[in-house]
Amino acid sequence: MALNLQIYRGREIDVIQKLEGIDGGKAFDWGRASTDYAKYRDIYPEEFYRRMIEMGLCVEGQRVLDLGTGTGVLPRNLYKYGAKFTGVDVAENQIREAGRLSREQNMDMEYLVSPVEEVDFPDETFDVITACQCFMYFDKAVILPKVYKMLKAGGRFCIMFMAYLPDEDEIAKASEELVLKYNPSWTGAGWRRSGITEPDWAPPLFTMDKAEAFDIMLPFTRESWHGRIKACRGIGASSLPPEVIAAFEKEHIAMVSRCSESFKILHYVTIQSFVKSPARINPI
């Protein structure tokens, strides 16, 4: 198994990010949550990947760039379908976990540590570019023209998202309320179903060609649910002091101890595929 791990050295990696509209502009760093993320956030069900394959995404013969790859969850789970993956993430700790997990599974992967806005591959390199659970963090004015240029003619840009539904699931609601108790600025709360329409950022570079939205019940144990919540942006990746995180953990563990040893949590999934516009535009 050959693992090509490239480290971007242009500036400090695992920098603390501050983004307008996210957590009130408070700092977060996914590198802090890498160990828990690797262990507890690989939770997308087989149906999720099957629907992507049925859309003709990430299949044999395609070269795929996974933006915001984190611990390589998407490439590792789709690897068996034959596409050639490159994963990129700003957090070096996340990429290190991605490399470790790929090596343990004997997967031939390429990973790059870099802000996605600074990724630079030759024009028309990729058949598919994916962004799973991370598109909200990107500077669209920068990344969309880059995606357009890096995609081959007729290439696809796929955005995926999955969230639990606190208004419809008591355990999820209780966990979310605890996160907000310790981190009131966290803006990752309150997800609800929403209809899928073509976003205003798509034209003229892209046209939404396929989209799916569906509910799914995901299985957890007390431990895995606690780990999944701890690894969220509001706790594990936040800038909260260690003693505050420890206090959250103590209270959350007590809360989940009152649940059954195993249970299912309702989630809502969206998968949107955008095709590169055929007319050659000079977006930059």
C-alpha atoms as a PDB file:
ATOM      1  CA  MET A   1       0.000   0.000   0.000  1.00  0.00           C
ATOM      2  CA  ALA A   2       1.421   3.358  -1.049  1.00  0.00           C
ATOM      3  CA  LEU A   3       0.359   6.389   0.950  1.00  0.00           C
ATOM      4  CA  ASN A   4       1.326   9.744  -0.469  1.00  0.00           C
ATOM      5  CA  LEU A   5       1.094  12.238   2.407  1.00  0.00           C
ATOM      6  CA  GLN A   6       1.964  15.801   1.498  1.00  0.00           C
ATOM      7  CA  ILE A   7       2.243  18.500   4.140  1.00  0.00           C
ATOM      8  CA  TYR A   8       1.507  22.076   3.137  1.00  0.00           C
ATOM      9  CA  ARG A   9       4.093  24.322   4.790  1.00  0.00           C
ATOM     10  CA  GLY A  10       3.077  27.724   3.471  1.00  0.00           C
ATOM     11  CA  ARG A  11       1.706  28.716   6.872  1.00  0.00           C
ATOM     12  CA  GLU A  12       0.862  27.211  10.232  1.00  0.00           C
ATOM     13  CA  ILE A  13      -1.375  24.145   9.958  1.00  0.00           C
ATOM     14  CA  ASP A  14      -4.167  23.383  12.441  1.00  0.00           C
ATOM     15  CA  VAL A  15      -4.569  27.119  12.786  1.00  0.00           C
ATOM     16  CA  ILE A  16      -7.509  28.251  14.825  1.00  0.00           C
ATOM     17  CA  GLN A  17     -10.250  29.262  12.422  1.00  0.00           C
ATOM     18  CA  LYS A  18     -12.688  32.104  12.926  1.00  0.00           C
ATOM     19  CA  LEU A  19     -15.480  32.382  10.388  1.00  0.00           C
ATOM     20  CA  GLU A  20     -18.208  34.989  10.205  1.00  0.00           C
ATOM     21  CA  GLY A  21     -21.616  33.493  10.943  1.00  0.00           C
ATOM     22  CA  ILE A  22     -20.201  30.361  12.622  1.00  0.00           C
ATOM     23  CA  ASP A  23     -20.167  30.168  16.437  1.00  0.00           C
ATOM     24  CA  GLY A  24     -20.393  33.925  16.710  1.00  0.00           C
ATOM     25  CA  GLY A  25     -16.941  34.235  15.202  1.00  0.00           C
ATOM     26  CA  LYS A  26     -15.379  32.254  18.060  1.00  0.00           C
ATOM     27  CA  ALA A  27     -12.333  30.151  17.320  1.00  0.00           C
ATOM     28  CA  PHE A  28     -12.439  26.455  16.487  1.00  0.00           C
ATOM     29  CA  ASP A  29      -9.871  23.918  15.303  1.00  0.00           C
ATOM     30  CA  TRP A  30     -10.836  20.479  13.988  1.00  0.00           C
ATOM     31  CA  GLY A  31      -7.306  19.281  14.696  1.00  0.00           C
ATOM     32  CA  ARG A  32      -8.168  19.283  18.394  1.00  0.00           C
ATOM     33  CA  ALA A  33     -10.917  16.714  17.851  1.00  0.00           C
ATOM     34  CA  SER A  34      -8.969  14.415  15.524  1.00  0.00           C
ATOM     35  CA  THR A  35      -8.614  11.416  17.846  1.00  0.00           C
ATOM     36  CA  ASP A  36     -12.303  11.350  18.755  1.00  0.00           C
ATOM     37  CA  TYR A  37     -13.289  12.226  15.196  1.00  0.00           C
ATOM     38  CA  ALA A  38     -11.360   9.255  13.829  1.00  0.00           C
ATOM     39  CA  LYS A  39     -12.958   6.908  16.352  1.00  0.00           C
ATOM     40  CA  TYR A  40     -16.537   8.160  16.483  1.00  0.00           C
ATOM     41  CA  ARG A  41     -17.445  10.165  13.368  1.00  0.00           C
ATOM     42  CA  ASP A  42     -17.237   7.431  10.725  1.00  0.00           C
ATOM     43  CA  ILE A  43     -21.005   6.976  10.934  1.00  0.00           C
ATOM     44  CA  TYR A  44     -22.416   7.402   7.421  1.00  0.00           C
ATOM     45  CA  PRO A  45     -24.534   4.338   6.582  1.00  0.00           C
ATOM     46  CA  GLU A  46     -24.036   2.076   3.579  1.00  0.00           C
ATOM     47  CA  GLU A  47     -27.189   3.542   2.042  1.00  0.00           C
ATOM     48  CA  PHE A  48     -25.459   6.925   1.940  1.00  0.00           C
ATOM     49  CA  TYR A  49     -22.607   5.552  -0.169  1.00  0.00           C
ATOM     50  CA  ARG A  50     -24.882   3.367  -2.270  1.00  0.00           C
ATOM     51  CA  ARG A  51     -26.914   6.393  -3.352  1.00  0.00           C
ATOM     52  CA  MET A  52     -23.748   8.210  -4.374  1.00  0.00           C
ATOM     53  CA  ILE A  53     -22.658   5.229  -6.465  1.00  0.00           C
ATOM     54  CA  GLU A  54     -26.098   5.056  -8.084  1.00  0.00           C
ATOM     55  CA  MET A  55     -25.646   8.716  -9.065  1.00  0.00           C
ATOM     56  CA  GLY A  56     -22.472   7.687 -10.915  1.00  0.00           C
ATOM     57  CA  LEU A  57     -20.183   9.383  -8.399  1.00  0.00           C
ATOM     58  CA  CYS A  58     -16.827   8.028  -7.149  1.00  0.00           C
ATOM     59  CA  VAL A  59     -16.863   4.871  -9.266  1.00  0.00           C
ATOM     60  CA  GLU A  60     -14.108   2.946 -11.012  1.00  0.00           C
ATOM     61  CA  GLY A  61     -12.184   4.928 -13.596  1.00  0.00           C
ATOM     62  CA  GLN A  62     -12.835   8.282 -11.918  1.00  0.00           C
ATOM     63  CA  ARG A  63     -10.303  10.508 -10.210  1.00  0.00           C
ATOM     64  CA  VAL A  64     -11.851  12.187  -7.166  1.00  0.00           C
ATOM     65  CA  LEU A  65     -10.785  15.143  -5.014  1.00  0.00           C
ATOM     66  CA  ASP A  66     -12.365  15.167  -1.543  1.00  0.00           C
ATOM     67  CA  LEU A  67     -12.329  18.659  -0.054  1.00  0.00           C
ATOM     68  CA  GLY A  68     -12.346  18.942   3.735  1.00  0.00           C
ATOM     69  CA  THR A  69     -11.642  15.229   3.931  1.00  0.00           C
ATOM     70  CA  GLY A  70     -11.057  15.223   7.698  1.00  0.00           C
ATOM     71  CA  THR A  71     -10.034  11.699   8.701  1.00  0.00           C
ATOM     72  CA  GLY A  72     -10.712  10.415   5.180  1.00  0.00           C
ATOM     73  CA  VAL A  73     -14.167   9.024   5.985  1.00  0.00           C
ATOM     74  CA  LEU A  74     -15.543   9.462   2.460  1.00  0.00           C
ATOM     75  CA  PRO A  75     -12.532   8.146   0.482  1.00  0.00           C
ATOM     76  CA  ARG A  76     -12.041   5.162   2.787  1.00  0.00           C
ATOM     77  CA  ASN A  77     -15.672   4.056   2.588  1.00  0.00           C
ATOM     78  CA  LEU A  78     -15.881   4.530  -1.188  1.00  0.00           C
ATOM     79  CA  TYR A  79     -12.468   3.020  -1.912  1.00  0.00           C
ATOM     80  CA  LYS A  80     -13.919  -0.413  -2.709  1.00  0.00           C
ATOM     81  CA  TYR A  81     -15.801   1.029  -5.688  1.00  0.00           C
ATOM     82  CA  GLY A  82     -12.584   1.693  -7.568  1.00  0.00           C
ATOM     83  CA  ALA A  83     -12.152   5.467  -7.843  1.00  0.00           C
ATOM     84  CA  LYS A  84      -8.738   7.048  -7.266  1.00  0.00           C
ATOM     85  CA  PHE A  85      -8.942   9.520  -4.363  1.00  0.00           C
ATOM     86  CA  THR A  86      -7.037  12.570  -3.208  1.00  0.00           C
ATOM     87  CA  GLY A  87      -8.142  14.041   0.125  1.00  0.00           C
ATOM     88  CA  VAL A  88      -7.322  17.540   1.333  1.00  0.00           C
ATOM     89  CA  ASP A  89      -7.868  19.196   4.710  1.00  0.00           C
ATOM     90  CA  VAL A  90      -6.500  22.231   6.538  1.00  0.00           C
ATOM     91  CA  ALA A  91      -5.985  20.312   9.802  1.00  0.00           C
ATOM     92  CA  GLU A  92      -2.747  18.341   9.837  1.00  0.00           C
ATOM     93  CA  ASN A  93      -3.953  16.181  12.749  1.00  0.00           C
ATOM     94  CA  GLN A  94      -7.003  15.162  10.748  1.00  0.00           C
ATOM     95  CA  ILE A  95      -4.842  14.153   7.795  1.00  0.00           C
ATOM     96  CA  ARG A  96      -2.515  12.184  10.060  1.00  0.00           C
ATOM     97  CA  GLU A  97      -5.510  10.179  11.291  1.00  0.00           C
ATOM     98  CA  ALA A  98      -6.682   9.727   7.704  1.00  0.00           C
ATOM     99  CA  GLY A  99      -3.269   8.368   6.776  1.00  0.00           C
ATOM    100  CA  ARG A 100      -3.157   6.032   9.762  1.00  0.00           C
ATOM    101  CA  LEU A 101      -6.609   4.601   9.076  1.00  0.00           C
ATOM    102  CA  SER A 102      -5.844   4.190   5.368  1.00  0.00           C
ATOM    103  CA  ARG A 103      -2.620   2.341   6.128  1.00  0.00           C
ATOM    104  CA  GLU A 104      -4.405   0.045   8.578  1.00  0.00           C
ATOM    105  CA  GLN A 105      -6.916  -0.818   5.851  1.00  0.00           C
ATOM    106  CA  ASN A 106      -4.195  -1.236   3.196  1.00  0.00           C
ATOM    107  CA  MET A 107      -5.652   1.516   1.007  1.00  0.00           C
ATOM    108  CA  ASP A 108      -3.682   3.421  -1.621  1.00  0.00           C
ATOM    109  CA  MET A 109      -4.584   7.032  -0.852  1.00  0.00           C
ATOM    110  CA  GLU A 110      -3.153  10.475  -1.468  1.00  0.00           C
ATOM    111  CA  TYR A 111      -3.664  13.128   1.213  1.00  0.00           C
ATOM    112  CA  LEU A 112      -2.717  16.794   1.174  1.00  0.00           C
ATOM    113  CA  VAL A 113      -2.658  19.225   4.098  1.00  0.00           C
ATOM    114  CA  SER A 114      -3.776  22.624   2.856  1.00  0.00           C
ATOM    115  CA  PRO A 115      -6.582  25.151   3.114  1.00  0.00           C
ATOM    116  CA  VAL A 116      -8.991  24.152   0.348  1.00  0.00           C
ATOM    117  CA  GLU A 117      -8.900  27.707  -0.994  1.00  0.00           C
ATOM    118  CA  GLU A 118      -5.172  27.218  -1.731  1.00  0.00           C
ATOM    119  CA  VAL A 119      -5.424  23.831  -3.434  1.00  0.00           C
ATOM    120  CA  ASP A 120      -4.041  24.087  -6.951  1.00  0.00           C
ATOM    121  CA  PHE A 121      -4.220  21.200  -9.428  1.00  0.00           C
ATOM    122  CA  PRO A 122      -3.934  21.519 -13.206  1.00  0.00           C
ATOM    123  CA  ASP A 123      -7.084  22.303 -15.169  1.00  0.00           C
ATOM    124  CA  GLU A 124      -9.427  19.354 -15.794  1.00  0.00           C
ATOM    125  CA  THR A 125      -7.660  16.985 -13.389  1.00  0.00           C
ATOM    126  CA  PHE A 126     -10.696  15.436 -11.684  1.00  0.00           C
ATOM    127  CA  ASP A 127     -13.880  13.664 -12.744  1.00  0.00           C
ATOM    128  CA  VAL A 128     -15.566  14.329  -9.396  1.00  0.00           C
ATOM    129  CA  ILE A 129     -14.935  16.766  -6.549  1.00  0.00           C
ATOM    130  CA  THR A 130     -16.712  16.145  -3.238  1.00  0.00           C
ATOM    131  CA  ALA A 131     -17.374  18.170  -0.098  1.00  0.00           C
ATOM    132  CA  CYS A 132     -18.975  16.232   2.759  1.00  0.00           C
ATOM    133  CA  GLN A 133     -20.177  18.074   5.863  1.00  0.00           C
ATOM    134  CA  CYS A 134     -17.809  20.972   5.201  1.00  0.00           C
ATOM    135  CA  PHE A 135     -19.025  23.223   2.370  1.00  0.00           C
ATOM    136  CA  MET A 136     -20.259  25.843   4.858  1.00  0.00           C
ATOM    137  CA  TYR A 137     -16.656  26.510   5.894  1.00  0.00           C
ATOM    138  CA  PHE A 138     -15.369  27.408   2.428  1.00  0.00           C
ATOM    139  CA  ASP A 139     -14.967  30.806   0.806  1.00  0.00           C
ATOM    140  CA  LYS A 140     -17.299  30.230  -2.160  1.00  0.00           C
ATOM    141  CA  ALA A 141     -15.924  33.161  -4.138  1.00  0.00           C
ATOM    142  CA  VAL A 142     -12.514  31.448  -4.115  1.00  0.00           C
ATOM    143  CA  ILE A 143     -13.323  27.746  -4.162  1.00  0.00           C
ATOM    144  CA  LEU A 144     -16.082  27.568  -6.784  1.00  0.00           C
ATOM    145  CA  PRO A 145     -13.950  28.894  -9.688  1.00  0.00           C
ATOM    146  CA  LYS A 146     -11.168  26.522  -8.598  1.00  0.00           C
ATOM    147  CA  VAL A 147     -13.554  23.557  -8.558  1.00  0.00           C
ATOM    148  CA  TYR A 148     -14.754  24.538 -12.011  1.00  0.00           C
ATOM    149  CA  LYS A 149     -11.210  24.682 -13.406  1.00  0.00           C
ATOM    150  CA  MET A 150     -10.072  21.437 -11.759  1.00  0.00           C
ATOM    151  CA  LEU A 151     -13.067  19.436 -13.050  1.00  0.00           C
ATOM    152  CA  LYS A 152     -12.959  17.752 -16.425  1.00  0.00           C
ATOM    153  CA  ALA A 153     -15.603  18.583 -19.032  1.00  0.00           C
ATOM    154  CA  GLY A 154     -18.885  17.193 -17.735  1.00  0.00           C
ATOM    155  CA  GLY A 155     -17.334  16.656 -14.301  1.00  0.00           C
ATOM    156  CA  ARG A 156     -19.428  16.660 -11.144  1.00  0.00           C
ATOM    157  CA  PHE A 157     -19.243  18.579  -7.898  1.00  0.00           C
ATOM    158  CA  CYS A 158     -21.021  16.743  -5.066  1.00  0.00           C
ATOM    159  CA  ILE A 159     -22.028  18.262  -1.713  1.00  0.00           C
ATOM    160  CA  MET A 160     -23.255  15.985   1.095  1.00  0.00           C
ATOM    161  CA  PHE A 161     -24.660  16.727   4.512  1.00  0.00           C
ATOM    162  CA  MET A 162     -26.073  14.647   7.381  1.00  0.00           C
ATOM    163  CA  ALA A 163     -27.507  15.923  10.655  1.00  0.00           C
ATOM    164  CA  TYR A 164     -29.501  14.535  13.539  1.00  0.00           C
ATOM    165  CA  LEU A 165     -32.939  16.099  14.093  1.00  0.00           C
ATOM    166  CA  PRO A 166     -33.218  17.390  17.683  1.00  0.00           C
ATOM    167  CA  ASP A 167     -36.862  18.430  17.335  1.00  0.00           C
ATOM    168  CA  GLU A 168     -37.781  14.828  16.524  1.00  0.00           C
ATOM    169  CA  ASP A 169     -35.336  12.835  18.651  1.00  0.00           C
ATOM    170  CA  GLU A 170     -35.260  13.144  22.456  1.00  0.00           C
ATOM    171  CA  ILE A 171     -31.697  11.892  22.952  1.00  0.00           C
ATOM    172  CA  ALA A 172     -30.334  14.202  20.267  1.00  0.00           C
ATOM    173  CA  LYS A 173     -32.231  17.122  21.759  1.00  0.00           C
ATOM    174  CA  ALA A 174     -30.883  16.450  25.257  1.00  0.00           C
ATOM    175  CA  SER A 175     -27.302  16.203  23.969  1.00  0.00           C
ATOM    176  CA  GLU A 176     -27.660  19.373  21.943  1.00  0.00           C
ATOM    177  CA  GLU A 177     -29.009  21.275  24.920  1.00  0.00           C
ATOM    178  CA  LEU A 178     -25.956  20.244  26.939  1.00  0.00           C
ATOM    179  CA  VAL A 179     -23.577  21.430  24.211  1.00  0.00           C
ATOM    180  CA  LEU A 180     -25.360  24.795  24.199  1.00  0.00           C
ATOM    181  CA  LYS A 181     -25.212  24.956  28.002  1.00  0.00           C
ATOM    182  CA  TYR A 182     -21.418  24.817  27.890  1.00  0.00           C
ATOM    183  CA  ASN A 183     -20.966  26.651  24.569  1.00  0.00           C
ATOM    184  CA  PRO A 184     -23.900  29.044  23.950  1.00  0.00           C
ATOM    185  CA  SER A 185     -22.186  30.500  20.874  1.00  0.00           C
ATOM    186  CA  TRP A 186     -22.265  27.166  19.000  1.00  0.00           C
ATOM    187  CA  THR A 187     -24.314  27.575  15.804  1.00  0.00           C
ATOM    188  CA  GLY A 188     -24.434  23.876  14.890  1.00  0.00           C
ATOM    189  CA  ALA A 189     -27.735  23.353  16.716  1.00  0.00           C
ATOM    190  CA  GLY A 190     -31.332  23.167  15.557  1.00  0.00           C
ATOM    191  CA  TRP A 191     -31.045  21.374  12.213  1.00  0.00           C
ATOM    192  CA  ARG A 192     -34.346  20.606  10.495  1.00  0.00           C
ATOM    193  CA  ARG A 193     -35.351  19.117   7.160  1.00  0.00           C
ATOM    194  CA  SER A 194     -35.218  21.535   4.261  1.00  0.00           C
ATOM    195  CA  GLY A 195     -36.231  21.195   0.659  1.00  0.00           C
ATOM    196  CA  ILE A 196     -33.529  20.904  -1.978  1.00  0.00           C
ATOM    197  CA  THR A 197     -33.430  23.658  -4.567  1.00  0.00           C
ATOM    198  CA  GLU A 198     -30.645  24.815  -6.843  1.00  0.00           C
ATOM    199  CA  PRO A 199     -28.542  27.281  -4.800  1.00  0.00           C
ATOM    200  CA  ASP A 200     -27.955  30.778  -6.100  1.00  0.00           C
ATOM    201  CA  TRP A 201     -24.178  30.197  -6.171  1.00  0.00           C
ATOM    202  CA  ALA A 202     -24.410  27.407  -8.780  1.00  0.00           C
ATOM    203  CA  PRO A 203     -24.937  29.304 -12.078  1.00  0.00           C
ATOM    204  CA  PRO A 204     -23.245  30.022 -14.342  1.00  0.00           C
ATOM    205  CA  LEU A 205     -20.467  27.584 -13.442  1.00  0.00           C
ATOM    206  CA  PHE A 206     -22.648  24.628 -12.400  1.00  0.00           C
ATOM    207  CA  THR A 207     -26.098  23.149 -12.828  1.00  0.00           C
ATOM    208  CA  MET A 208     -27.636  20.853 -10.224  1.00  0.00           C
ATOM    209  CA  ASP A 209     -28.325  17.614 -12.089  1.00  0.00           C
ATOM    210  CA  LYS A 210     -29.205  15.183  -9.289  1.00  0.00           C
ATOM    211  CA  ALA A 211     -30.298  15.495  -5.667  1.00  0.00           C
ATOM    212  CA  GLU A 212     -31.615  13.244  -2.934  1.00  0.00           C
ATOM    213  CA  ALA A 213     -32.872  13.810   0.614  1.00  0.00           C
ATOM    214  CA  PHE A 214     -33.864  11.081   3.032  1.00  0.00           C
ATOM    215  CA  ASP A 215     -34.234  10.160   6.702  1.00  0.00           C
ATOM    216  CA  ILE A 216     -32.254   7.381   8.293  1.00  0.00           C
ATOM    217  CA  MET A 217     -31.961   5.865  11.781  1.00  0.00           C
ATOM    218  CA  LEU A 218     -28.335   5.398  12.806  1.00  0.00           C
ATOM    219  CA  PRO A 219     -27.324   2.946  15.559  1.00  0.00           C
ATOM    220  CA  PHE A 220     -25.233   4.067  18.533  1.00  0.00           C
ATOM    221  CA  THR A 221     -24.097   2.794  21.893  1.00  0.00           C
ATOM    222  CA  ARG A 222     -23.793   5.042  24.925  1.00  0.00           C
ATOM    223  CA  GLU A 223     -20.059   5.311  24.288  1.00  0.00           C
ATOM    224  CA  SER A 224     -20.258   5.959  20.553  1.00  0.00           C
ATOM    225  CA  TRP A 225     -22.973   8.611  20.922  1.00  0.00           C
ATOM    226  CA  HIS A 226     -21.008  10.398  23.631  1.00  0.00           C
ATOM    227  CA  GLY A 227     -17.910  10.251  21.417  1.00  0.00           C
ATOM    228  CA  ARG A 228     -19.827  11.531  18.399  1.00  0.00           C
ATOM    229  CA  ILE A 229     -21.154  14.528  20.372  1.00  0.00           C
ATOM    230  CA  LYS A 230     -17.815  15.269  22.021  1.00  0.00           C
ATOM    231  CA  ALA A 231     -16.199  15.345  18.563  1.00  0.00           C
ATOM    232  CA  CYS A 232     -18.519  18.102  17.345  1.00  0.00           C
ATOM    233  CA  ARG A 233     -17.408  21.671  16.638  1.00  0.00           C
ATOM    234  CA  GLY A 234     -19.181  22.930  19.762  1.00  0.00           C
ATOM    235  CA  ILE A 235     -17.058  20.819  22.143  1.00  0.00           C
ATOM    236  CA  GLY A 236     -14.008  18.907  20.876  1.00  0.00           C
ATOM    237  CA  ALA A 237     -13.058  21.351  18.118  1.00  0.00           C
ATOM    238  CA  SER A 238     -13.987  24.451  20.105  1.00  0.00           C
ATOM    239  CA  SER A 239     -11.778  26.871  21.992  1.00  0.00           C
ATOM    240  CA  LEU A 240     -13.422  25.972  25.313  1.00  0.00           C
ATOM    241  CA  PRO A 241     -10.973  25.523  28.228  1.00  0.00           C
ATOM    242  CA  PRO A 242     -10.136  21.893  29.110  1.00  0.00           C
ATOM    243  CA  GLU A 243     -11.949  22.146  32.438  1.00  0.00           C
ATOM    244  CA  VAL A 244     -15.166  23.225  30.684  1.00  0.00           C
ATOM    245  CA  ILE A 245     -14.920  20.323  28.236  1.00  0.00           C
ATOM    246  CA  ALA A 246     -14.336  17.961  31.166  1.00  0.00           C
ATOM    247  CA  ALA A 247     -17.435  19.307  32.914  1.00  0.00           C
ATOM    248  CA  PHE A 248     -19.476  18.786  29.737  1.00  0.00           C
ATOM    249  CA  GLU A 249     -18.195  15.222  29.439  1.00  0.00           C
ATOM    250  CA  LYS A 250     -19.105  14.399  33.020  1.00  0.00           C
ATOM    251  CA  GLU A 251     -22.657  15.684  32.618  1.00  0.00           C
ATOM    252  CA  HIS A 252     -23.155  14.173  29.161  1.00  0.00           C
ATOM    253  CA  ILE A 253     -21.916  10.742  30.249  1.00  0.00           C
ATOM    254  CA  ALA A 254     -24.369  10.879  33.149  1.00  0.00           C
ATOM    255  CA  MET A 255     -27.142  11.784  30.724  1.00  0.00           C
ATOM    256  CA  VAL A 256     -26.442   8.950  28.255  1.00  0.00           C
ATOM    257  CA  SER A 257     -26.079   6.481  31.138  1.00  0.00           C
ATOM    258  CA  ARG A 258     -29.827   6.844  31.614  1.00  0.00           C
ATOM    259  CA  CYS A 259     -30.417   5.665  28.021  1.00  0.00           C
ATOM    260  CA  SER A 260     -30.490   2.078  26.834  1.00  0.00           C
ATOM    261  CA  GLU A 261     -27.060   0.598  26.150  1.00  0.00           C
ATOM    262  CA  SER A 262     -27.822   0.817  22.414  1.00  0.00           C
ATOM    263  CA  PHE A 263     -30.283   3.016  20.555  1.00  0.00           C
ATOM    264  CA  LYS A 264     -30.900   4.713  17.205  1.00  0.00           C
ATOM    265  CA  ILE A 265     -30.831   8.419  16.377  1.00  0.00           C
ATOM    266  CA  LEU A 266     -32.882   9.978  13.585  1.00  0.00           C
ATOM    267  CA  HIS A 267     -30.786  11.733  10.923  1.00  0.00           C
ATOM    268  CA  TYR A 268     -31.571  13.689   7.759  1.00  0.00           C
ATOM    269  CA  VAL A 269     -29.298  13.335   4.713  1.00  0.00           C
ATOM    270  CA  THR A 270     -28.921  15.441   1.575  1.00  0.00           C
ATOM    271  CA  ILE A 271     -26.780  14.644  -1.478  1.00  0.00           C
ATOM    272  CA  GLN A 272     -26.528  17.226  -4.266  1.00  0.00           C
ATOM    273  CA  SER A 273     -24.671  16.723  -7.522  1.00  0.00           C
ATOM    274  CA  PHE A 274     -23.728  19.645  -9.787  1.00  0.00           C
ATOM    275  CA  VAL A 275     -22.441  19.220 -13.318  1.00  0.00           C
ATOM    276  CA  LYS A 276     -19.830  21.560 -14.729  1.00  0.00           C
ATOM    277  CA  SER A 277     -21.360  23.909 -17.267  1.00  0.00           C
ATOM    278  CA  PRO A 278     -20.325  22.988 -20.827  1.00  0.00           C
ATOM    279  CA  ALA A 279     -19.627  26.539 -21.973  1.00  0.00           C
ATOM    280  CA  ARG A 280     -16.034  27.462 -21.269  1.00  0.00           C
ATOM    281  CA  ILE A 281     -16.121  30.354 -18.857  1.00  0.00           C
ATOM    282  CA  ASN A 282     -13.111  32.221 -17.568  1.00  0.00           C
ATOM    283  CA  PRO A 283     -14.124  32.383 -13.878  1.00  0.00           C
ATOM    284  CA  ILE A 284     -10.850  33.792 -12.572  1.00  0.00           C
END
